[in-house]
């Protein structure tokens, strides 16, 4: 009896792992359909702490602003600080 339950449980676990998640339209995808003149650039990114990629869509202006903010942050970190005596 234990063997039958173990086999049945294993089969259920394998079936659950083999199933695929259904795709649901995201807010960005819905927005893209609502405003077809808006140009979006979509990329697959891995969030911090995860190995699962997520589709992220941004406008070119937002990408440029994020790039400039990152460059400014690096410049601030590279700036020499006051010397301690």
PDB file of N, CA and C in Angstrom:
ATOM      1  N   UNK A   1       0.820  -1.192   0.000  1.00  0.00           N
ATOM      2  CA  UNK A   1       0.000   0.000   0.000  1.00  0.00           C
ATOM      3  C   UNK A   1       0.867   1.261   0.000  1.00  0.00           C
ATOM      4  N   UNK A   2       1.928   1.257   0.798  1.00  0.00           N
ATOM      5  CA  UNK A   2       2.817   2.417   0.846  1.00  0.00           C
ATOM      6  C   UNK A   2       3.478   2.624  -0.507  1.00  0.00           C
ATOM      7  N   UNK A   3       3.809   1.532  -1.165  1.00  0.00           N
ATOM      8  CA  UNK A   3       4.466   1.622  -2.464  1.00  0.00           C
ATOM      9  C   UNK A   3       3.516   2.247  -3.491  1.00  0.00           C
ATOM     10  N   UNK A   4       2.249   1.866  -3.451  1.00  0.00           N
ATOM     11  CA  UNK A   4       1.261   2.417  -4.382  1.00  0.00           C
ATOM     12  C   UNK A   4       1.099   3.912  -4.145  1.00  0.00           C
ATOM     13  N   UNK A   5       1.013   4.320  -2.890  1.00  0.00           N
ATOM     14  CA  UNK A   5       0.894   5.745  -2.580  1.00  0.00           C
ATOM     15  C   UNK A   5       2.140   6.515  -3.005  1.00  0.00           C
ATOM     16  N   UNK A   6       3.306   5.911  -2.819  1.00  0.00           N
ATOM     17  CA  UNK A   6       4.552   6.567  -3.216  1.00  0.00           C
ATOM     18  C   UNK A   6       4.605   6.746  -4.729  1.00  0.00           C
ATOM     19  N   UNK A   7       4.240   5.700  -5.479  1.00  0.00           N
ATOM     20  CA  UNK A   7       4.249   5.780  -6.939  1.00  0.00           C
ATOM     21  C   UNK A   7       3.223   6.814  -7.413  1.00  0.00           C
ATOM     22  N   UNK A   8       2.022   6.773  -6.827  1.00  0.00           N
ATOM     23  CA  UNK A   8       0.989   7.730  -7.209  1.00  0.00           C
ATOM     24  C   UNK A   8       1.435   9.161  -6.903  1.00  0.00           C
ATOM     25  N   UNK A   9       2.015   9.384  -5.735  1.00  0.00           N
ATOM     26  CA  UNK A   9       2.502  10.717  -5.372  1.00  0.00           C
ATOM     27  C   UNK A   9       3.607  11.183  -6.292  1.00  0.00           C
ATOM     28  N   UNK A  10       4.501  10.272  -6.662  1.00  0.00           N
ATOM     29  CA  UNK A  10       5.590  10.627  -7.579  1.00  0.00           C
ATOM     30  C   UNK A  10       5.051  11.009  -8.945  1.00  0.00           C
ATOM     31  N   UNK A  11       4.052  10.252  -9.415  1.00  0.00           N
ATOM     32  CA  UNK A  11       3.462  10.557 -10.717  1.00  0.00           C
ATOM     33  C   UNK A  11       2.768  11.921 -10.698  1.00  0.00           C
ATOM     34  N   UNK A  12       2.090  12.229  -9.607  1.00  0.00           N
ATOM     35  CA  UNK A  12       1.417  13.521  -9.495  1.00  0.00           C
ATOM     36  C   UNK A  12       2.439  14.661  -9.469  1.00  0.00           C
ATOM     37  N   UNK A  13       3.534  14.453  -8.772  1.00  0.00           N
ATOM     38  CA  UNK A  13       4.583  15.468  -8.701  1.00  0.00           C
ATOM     39  C   UNK A  13       5.194  15.708 -10.070  1.00  0.00           C
ATOM     40  N   UNK A  14       5.475  14.644 -10.809  1.00  0.00           N
ATOM     41  CA  UNK A  14       6.046  14.801 -12.149  1.00  0.00           C
ATOM     42  C   UNK A  14       5.057  15.484 -13.091  1.00  0.00           C
ATOM     43  N   UNK A  15       3.788  15.150 -12.967  1.00  0.00           N
ATOM     44  CA  UNK A  15       2.781  15.782 -13.822  1.00  0.00           C
ATOM     45  C   UNK A  15       2.674  17.277 -13.510  1.00  0.00           C
ATOM     46  N   UNK A  16       2.769  17.627 -12.248  1.00  0.00           N
ATOM     47  CA  UNK A  16       2.687  19.040 -11.864  1.00  0.00           C
ATOM     48  C   UNK A  16       3.891  19.809 -12.384  1.00  0.00           C
ATOM     49  N   UNK A  17       5.053  19.201 -12.358  1.00  0.00           N
ATOM     50  CA  UNK A  17       6.259  19.872 -12.837  1.00  0.00           C
ATOM     51  C   UNK A  17       6.267  20.007 -14.359  1.00  0.00           C
ATOM     52  N   UNK A  18       5.604  19.109 -15.045  1.00  0.00           N
ATOM     53  CA  UNK A  18       5.601  19.123 -16.506  1.00  0.00           C
ATOM     54  C   UNK A  18       4.592  20.103 -17.072  1.00  0.00           C
ATOM     55  N   UNK A  19       3.637  20.544 -16.280  1.00  0.00           N
ATOM     56  CA  UNK A  19       2.621  21.455 -16.802  1.00  0.00           C
ATOM     57  C   UNK A  19       3.223  22.830 -17.018  1.00  0.00           C
ATOM     58  N   UNK A  20       2.628  23.574 -17.934  1.00  0.00           N
ATOM     59  CA  UNK A  20       3.113  24.915 -18.220  1.00  0.00           C
ATOM     60  C   UNK A  20       2.111  25.921 -17.696  1.00  0.00           C
ATOM     61  N   UNK A  21       2.612  27.056 -17.296  1.00  0.00           N
ATOM     62  CA  UNK A  21       1.753  28.122 -16.795  1.00  0.00           C
ATOM     63  C   UNK A  21       1.109  28.838 -17.976  1.00  0.00           C
ATOM     64  N   UNK A  22      -0.121  29.240 -17.812  1.00  0.00           N
ATOM     65  CA  UNK A  22      -0.803  29.979 -18.860  1.00  0.00           C
ATOM     66  C   UNK A  22      -0.348  31.428 -18.813  1.00  0.00           C
ATOM     67  N   UNK A  23      -0.137  31.978 -19.984  1.00  0.00           N
ATOM     68  CA  UNK A  23       0.288  33.375 -20.047  1.00  0.00           C
ATOM     69  C   UNK A  23      -0.918  34.276 -19.896  1.00  0.00           C
ATOM     70  N   UNK A  24      -0.760  35.272 -19.043  1.00  0.00           N
ATOM     71  CA  UNK A  24      -1.788  36.289 -18.866  1.00  0.00           C
ATOM     72  C   UNK A  24      -1.234  37.600 -19.392  1.00  0.00           C
ATOM     73  N   UNK A  25      -2.045  38.383 -20.066  1.00  0.00           N
ATOM     74  CA  UNK A  25      -1.533  39.669 -20.552  1.00  0.00           C
ATOM     75  C   UNK A  25      -1.167  40.579 -19.387  1.00  0.00           C
ATOM     76  N   UNK A  26      -0.006  41.161 -19.482  1.00  0.00           N
ATOM     77  CA  UNK A  26       0.450  42.065 -18.433  1.00  0.00           C
ATOM     78  C   UNK A  26      -0.109  43.458 -18.668  1.00  0.00           C
ATOM     79  N   UNK A  27       0.054  44.310 -17.692  1.00  0.00           N
ATOM     80  CA  UNK A  27      -0.423  45.688 -17.811  1.00  0.00           C
ATOM     81  C   UNK A  27       0.280  46.394 -18.962  1.00  0.00           C
ATOM     82  N   UNK A  28       1.569  46.092 -19.153  1.00  0.00           N
ATOM     83  CA  UNK A  28       2.319  46.732 -20.229  1.00  0.00           C
ATOM     84  C   UNK A  28       1.783  46.271 -21.576  1.00  0.00           C
ATOM     85  N   UNK A  29       1.482  44.979 -21.690  1.00  0.00           N
ATOM     86  CA  UNK A  29       0.951  44.469 -22.954  1.00  0.00           C
ATOM     87  C   UNK A  29      -0.407  45.092 -23.252  1.00  0.00           C
ATOM     88  N   UNK A  30      -1.234  45.233 -22.224  1.00  0.00           N
ATOM     89  CA  UNK A  30      -2.535  45.863 -22.419  1.00  0.00           C
ATOM     90  C   UNK A  30      -2.365  47.324 -22.812  1.00  0.00           C
ATOM     91  N   UNK A  31      -1.410  47.999 -22.203  1.00  0.00           N
ATOM     92  CA  UNK A  31      -1.156  49.398 -22.529  1.00  0.00           C
ATOM     93  C   UNK A  31      -0.653  49.508 -23.967  1.00  0.00           C
ATOM     94  N   UNK A  32       0.178  48.547 -24.386  1.00  0.00           N
ATOM     95  CA  UNK A  32       0.730  48.566 -25.733  1.00  0.00           C
ATOM     96  C   UNK A  32      -0.390  48.443 -26.763  1.00  0.00           C
ATOM     97  N   UNK A  33      -1.391  47.621 -26.496  1.00  0.00           N
ATOM     98  CA  UNK A  33      -2.505  47.481 -27.412  1.00  0.00           C
ATOM     99  C   UNK A  33      -3.401  48.720 -27.386  1.00  0.00           C
ATOM    100  N   UNK A  34      -3.477  49.372 -26.236  1.00  0.00           N
ATOM    101  CA  UNK A  34      -4.333  50.544 -26.120  1.00  0.00           C
ATOM    102  C   UNK A  34      -3.740  51.750 -26.859  1.00  0.00           C
ATOM    103  N   UNK A  35      -2.418  51.852 -26.883  1.00  0.00           N
ATOM    104  CA  UNK A  35      -1.727  52.971 -27.529  1.00  0.00           C
ATOM    105  C   UNK A  35      -0.724  52.413 -28.539  1.00  0.00           C
ATOM    106  N   UNK A  36      -1.149  52.112 -29.752  1.00  0.00           N
ATOM    107  CA  UNK A  36      -0.239  51.495 -30.715  1.00  0.00           C
ATOM    108  C   UNK A  36       0.885  52.420 -31.177  1.00  0.00           C
ATOM    109  N   UNK A  37       0.754  53.742 -30.991  1.00  0.00           N
ATOM    110  CA  UNK A  37       1.811  54.655 -31.422  1.00  0.00           C
ATOM    111  C   UNK A  37       2.964  54.721 -30.428  1.00  0.00           C
ATOM    112  N   UNK A  38       2.822  54.137 -29.233  1.00  0.00           N
ATOM    113  CA  UNK A  38       3.879  54.140 -28.229  1.00  0.00           C
ATOM    114  C   UNK A  38       4.892  53.055 -28.579  1.00  0.00           C
ATOM    115  N   UNK A  39       6.153  53.441 -28.659  1.00  0.00           N
ATOM    116  CA  UNK A  39       7.190  52.455 -28.955  1.00  0.00           C
ATOM    117  C   UNK A  39       7.760  51.936 -27.638  1.00  0.00           C
ATOM    118  N   UNK A  40       7.747  50.634 -27.481  1.00  0.00           N
ATOM    119  CA  UNK A  40       8.290  49.990 -26.293  1.00  0.00           C
ATOM    120  C   UNK A  40       9.403  49.048 -26.707  1.00  0.00           C
ATOM    121  N   UNK A  41      10.409  48.950 -25.869  1.00  0.00           N
ATOM    122  CA  UNK A  41      11.488  47.994 -26.070  1.00  0.00           C
ATOM    123  C   UNK A  41      11.366  46.959 -24.968  1.00  0.00           C
ATOM    124  N   UNK A  42      11.174  45.702 -25.362  1.00  0.00           N
ATOM    125  CA  UNK A  42      10.988  44.622 -24.396  1.00  0.00           C
ATOM    126  C   UNK A  42      12.242  43.758 -24.345  1.00  0.00           C
ATOM    127  N   UNK A  43      12.642  43.409 -23.134  1.00  0.00           N
ATOM    128  CA  UNK A  43      13.812  42.561 -22.910  1.00  0.00           C
ATOM    129  C   UNK A  43      13.476  41.533 -21.845  1.00  0.00           C
ATOM    130  N   UNK A  44      14.186  40.433 -21.865  1.00  0.00           N
ATOM    131  CA  UNK A  44      14.055  39.418 -20.830  1.00  0.00           C
ATOM    132  C   UNK A  44      15.127  39.702 -19.783  1.00  0.00           C
ATOM    133  N   UNK A  45      14.714  39.876 -18.528  1.00  0.00           N
ATOM    134  CA  UNK A  45      15.641  40.184 -17.435  1.00  0.00           C
ATOM    135  C   UNK A  45      15.435  39.197 -16.305  1.00  0.00           C
ATOM    136  N   UNK A  46      16.509  38.946 -15.563  1.00  0.00           N
ATOM    137  CA  UNK A  46      16.431  38.114 -14.367  1.00  0.00           C
ATOM    138  C   UNK A  46      16.412  39.032 -13.152  1.00  0.00           C
ATOM    139  N   UNK A  47      15.325  39.032 -12.378  1.00  0.00           N
ATOM    140  CA  UNK A  47      15.297  39.853 -11.164  1.00  0.00           C
ATOM    141  C   UNK A  47      16.355  39.388 -10.170  1.00  0.00           C
ATOM    142  N   UNK A  48      16.793  40.278  -9.320  1.00  0.00           N
ATOM    143  CA  UNK A  48      17.791  39.947  -8.317  1.00  0.00           C
ATOM    144  C   UNK A  48      17.286  38.820  -7.426  1.00  0.00           C
ATOM    145  N   UNK A  49      18.110  37.799  -7.267  1.00  0.00           N
ATOM    146  CA  UNK A  49      17.759  36.669  -6.409  1.00  0.00           C
ATOM    147  C   UNK A  49      16.941  35.608  -7.105  1.00  0.00           C
ATOM    148  N   UNK A  50      16.736  35.731  -8.408  1.00  0.00           N
ATOM    149  CA  UNK A  50      15.935  34.753  -9.131  1.00  0.00           C
ATOM    150  C   UNK A  50      16.665  34.349 -10.403  1.00  0.00           C
ATOM    151  N   UNK A  51      16.422  33.132 -10.850  1.00  0.00           N
ATOM    152  CA  UNK A  51      17.004  32.671 -12.094  1.00  0.00           C
ATOM    153  C   UNK A  51      15.936  32.595 -13.179  1.00  0.00           C
ATOM    154  N   UNK A  52      14.735  33.046 -12.869  1.00  0.00           N
ATOM    155  CA  UNK A  52      13.631  32.991 -13.809  1.00  0.00           C
ATOM    156  C   UNK A  52      13.535  34.335 -14.520  1.00  0.00           C
ATOM    157  N   UNK A  53      13.583  34.298 -15.835  1.00  0.00           N
ATOM    158  CA  UNK A  53      13.532  35.530 -16.602  1.00  0.00           C
ATOM    159  C   UNK A  53      12.112  36.076 -16.658  1.00  0.00           C
ATOM    160  N   UNK A  54      12.047  37.407 -16.680  1.00  0.00           N
ATOM    161  CA  UNK A  54      10.770  38.118 -16.738  1.00  0.00           C
ATOM    162  C   UNK A  54      10.845  39.098 -17.901  1.00  0.00           C
ATOM    163  N   UNK A  55       9.778  39.204 -18.660  1.00  0.00           N
ATOM    164  CA  UNK A  55       9.743  40.153 -19.765  1.00  0.00           C
ATOM    165  C   UNK A  55       9.443  41.541 -19.212  1.00  0.00           C
ATOM    166  N   UNK A  56      10.330  42.485 -19.534  1.00  0.00           N
ATOM    167  CA  UNK A  56      10.176  43.865 -19.066  1.00  0.00           C
ATOM    168  C   UNK A  56      10.158  44.770 -20.291  1.00  0.00           C
ATOM    169  N   UNK A  57       9.127  45.587 -20.401  1.00  0.00           N
ATOM    170  CA  UNK A  57       8.990  46.514 -21.527  1.00  0.00           C
ATOM    171  C   UNK A  57       9.076  47.945 -21.009  1.00  0.00           C
ATOM    172  N   UNK A  58       9.903  48.747 -21.691  1.00  0.00           N
ATOM    173  CA  UNK A  58      10.076  50.149 -21.296  1.00  0.00           C
ATOM    174  C   UNK A  58      10.108  51.027 -22.539  1.00  0.00           C
ATOM    175  N   UNK A  59       9.816  52.290 -22.320  1.00  0.00           N
ATOM    176  CA  UNK A  59       9.946  53.266 -23.389  1.00  0.00           C
ATOM    177  C   UNK A  59      11.410  53.656 -23.514  1.00  0.00           C
ATOM    178  N   UNK A  60      11.847  54.040 -24.710  1.00  0.00           N
ATOM    179  CA  UNK A  60      13.260  54.414 -24.892  1.00  0.00           C
ATOM    180  C   UNK A  60      13.706  55.530 -23.946  1.00  0.00           C
ATOM    181  N   UNK A  61      12.816  56.473 -23.656  1.00  0.00           N
ATOM    182  CA  UNK A  61      13.179  57.572 -22.755  1.00  0.00           C
ATOM    183  C   UNK A  61      13.449  57.043 -21.341  1.00  0.00           C
ATOM    184  N   UNK A  62      12.661  56.076 -20.894  1.00  0.00           N
ATOM    185  CA  UNK A  62      12.860  55.496 -19.568  1.00  0.00           C
ATOM    186  C   UNK A  62      14.161  54.708 -19.510  1.00  0.00           C
ATOM    187  N   UNK A  63      14.504  54.030 -20.592  1.00  0.00           N
ATOM    188  CA  UNK A  63      15.770  53.284 -20.637  1.00  0.00           C
ATOM    189  C   UNK A  63      16.943  54.248 -20.541  1.00  0.00           C
ATOM    190  N   UNK A  64      16.872  55.359 -21.292  1.00  0.00           N
ATOM    191  CA  UNK A  64      17.950  56.351 -21.268  1.00  0.00           C
ATOM    192  C   UNK A  64      18.073  56.992 -19.885  1.00  0.00           C
ATOM    193  N   UNK A  65      16.955  57.307 -19.248  1.00  0.00           N
ATOM    194  CA  UNK A  65      16.987  57.911 -17.913  1.00  0.00           C
ATOM    195  C   UNK A  65      17.588  56.945 -16.901  1.00  0.00           C
ATOM    196  N   UNK A  66      17.237  55.673 -17.001  1.00  0.00           N
ATOM    197  CA  UNK A  66      17.795  54.678 -16.081  1.00  0.00           C
ATOM    198  C   UNK A  66      19.298  54.518 -16.308  1.00  0.00           C
ATOM    199  N   UNK A  67      19.721  54.528 -17.562  1.00  0.00           N
ATOM    200  CA  UNK A  67      21.151  54.412 -17.882  1.00  0.00           C
ATOM    201  C   UNK A  67      21.932  55.599 -17.312  1.00  0.00           C
ATOM    202  N   UNK A  68      21.396  56.810 -17.480  1.00  0.00           N
ATOM    203  CA  UNK A  68      22.075  58.001 -16.947  1.00  0.00           C
ATOM    204  C   UNK A  68      22.127  57.982 -15.424  1.00  0.00           C
ATOM    205  N   UNK A  69      21.059  57.535 -14.772  1.00  0.00           N
ATOM    206  CA  UNK A  69      21.057  57.450 -13.309  1.00  0.00           C
ATOM    207  C   UNK A  69      22.097  56.451 -12.817  1.00  0.00           C
ATOM    208  N   UNK A  70      22.233  55.344 -13.515  1.00  0.00           N
ATOM    209  CA  UNK A  70      23.232  54.340 -13.129  1.00  0.00           C
ATOM    210  C   UNK A  70      24.646  54.891 -13.310  1.00  0.00           C
ATOM    211  N   UNK A  71      24.880  55.605 -14.419  1.00  0.00           N
ATOM    212  CA  UNK A  71      26.203  56.191 -14.642  1.00  0.00           C
ATOM    213  C   UNK A  71      26.529  57.244 -13.593  1.00  0.00           C
ATOM    214  N   UNK A  72      25.563  58.056 -13.217  1.00  0.00           N
ATOM    215  CA  UNK A  72      25.789  59.056 -12.172  1.00  0.00           C
ATOM    216  C   UNK A  72      26.085  58.397 -10.829  1.00  0.00           C
ATOM    217  N   UNK A  73      25.417  57.307 -10.526  1.00  0.00           N
ATOM    218  CA  UNK A  73      25.667  56.595  -9.269  1.00  0.00           C
ATOM    219  C   UNK A  73      27.087  56.039  -9.239  1.00  0.00           C
ATOM    220  N   UNK A  74      27.554  55.516 -10.371  1.00  0.00           N
ATOM    221  CA  UNK A  74      28.924  54.986 -10.431  1.00  0.00           C
ATOM    222  C   UNK A  74      29.929  56.126 -10.274  1.00  0.00           C
ATOM    223  N   UNK A  75      29.658  57.252 -10.907  1.00  0.00           N
ATOM    224  CA  UNK A  75      30.565  58.407 -10.771  1.00  0.00           C
ATOM    225  C   UNK A  75      30.655  58.876  -9.316  1.00  0.00           C
ATOM    226  N   UNK A  76      29.521  58.897  -8.619  1.00  0.00           N
ATOM    227  CA  UNK A  76      29.513  59.294  -7.209  1.00  0.00           C
ATOM    228  C   UNK A  76      30.318  58.325  -6.354  1.00  0.00           C
ATOM    229  N   UNK A  77      30.253  57.040  -6.657  1.00  0.00           N
ATOM    230  CA  UNK A  77      31.012  56.052  -5.881  1.00  0.00           C
ATOM    231  C   UNK A  77      32.503  56.147  -6.160  1.00  0.00           C
ATOM    232  N   UNK A  78      32.868  56.548  -7.388  1.00  0.00           N
ATOM    233  CA  UNK A  78      34.285  56.644  -7.745  1.00  0.00           C
ATOM    234  C   UNK A  78      34.921  57.934  -7.239  1.00  0.00           C
ATOM    235  N   UNK A  79      34.118  58.919  -6.890  1.00  0.00           N
ATOM    236  CA  UNK A  79      34.625  60.203  -6.428  1.00  0.00           C
ATOM    237  C   UNK A  79      35.388  60.008  -5.119  1.00  0.00           C
ATOM    238  N   UNK A  80      36.600  60.549  -5.043  1.00  0.00           N
ATOM    239  CA  UNK A  80      37.355  60.384  -3.802  1.00  0.00           C
ATOM    240  C   UNK A  80      36.705  61.159  -2.657  1.00  0.00           C
ATOM    241  N   UNK A  81      36.671  60.512  -1.508  1.00  0.00           N
ATOM    242  CA  UNK A  81      36.067  61.132  -0.341  1.00  0.00           C
ATOM    243  C   UNK A  81      37.089  61.888   0.479  1.00  0.00           C
ATOM    244  N   UNK A  82      36.653  62.506   1.567  1.00  0.00           N
ATOM    245  CA  UNK A  82      37.585  63.229   2.428  1.00  0.00           C
ATOM    246  C   UNK A  82      38.542  62.249   3.099  1.00  0.00           C
ATOM    247  N   UNK A  83      39.782  62.700   3.302  1.00  0.00           N
ATOM    248  CA  UNK A  83      40.776  61.845   3.923  1.00  0.00           C
ATOM    249  C   UNK A  83      40.642  61.926   5.432  1.00  0.00           C
ATOM    250  N   UNK A  84      40.731  60.775   6.066  1.00  0.00           N
ATOM    251  CA  UNK A  84      40.637  60.725   7.528  1.00  0.00           C
ATOM    252  C   UNK A  84      42.045  60.800   8.107  1.00  0.00           C
ATOM    253  N   UNK A  85      42.189  61.556   9.183  1.00  0.00           N
ATOM    254  CA  UNK A  85      43.493  61.656   9.832  1.00  0.00           C
ATOM    255  C   UNK A  85      43.461  61.138  11.219  1.00  0.00           C
TER     256      UNK A  85
END
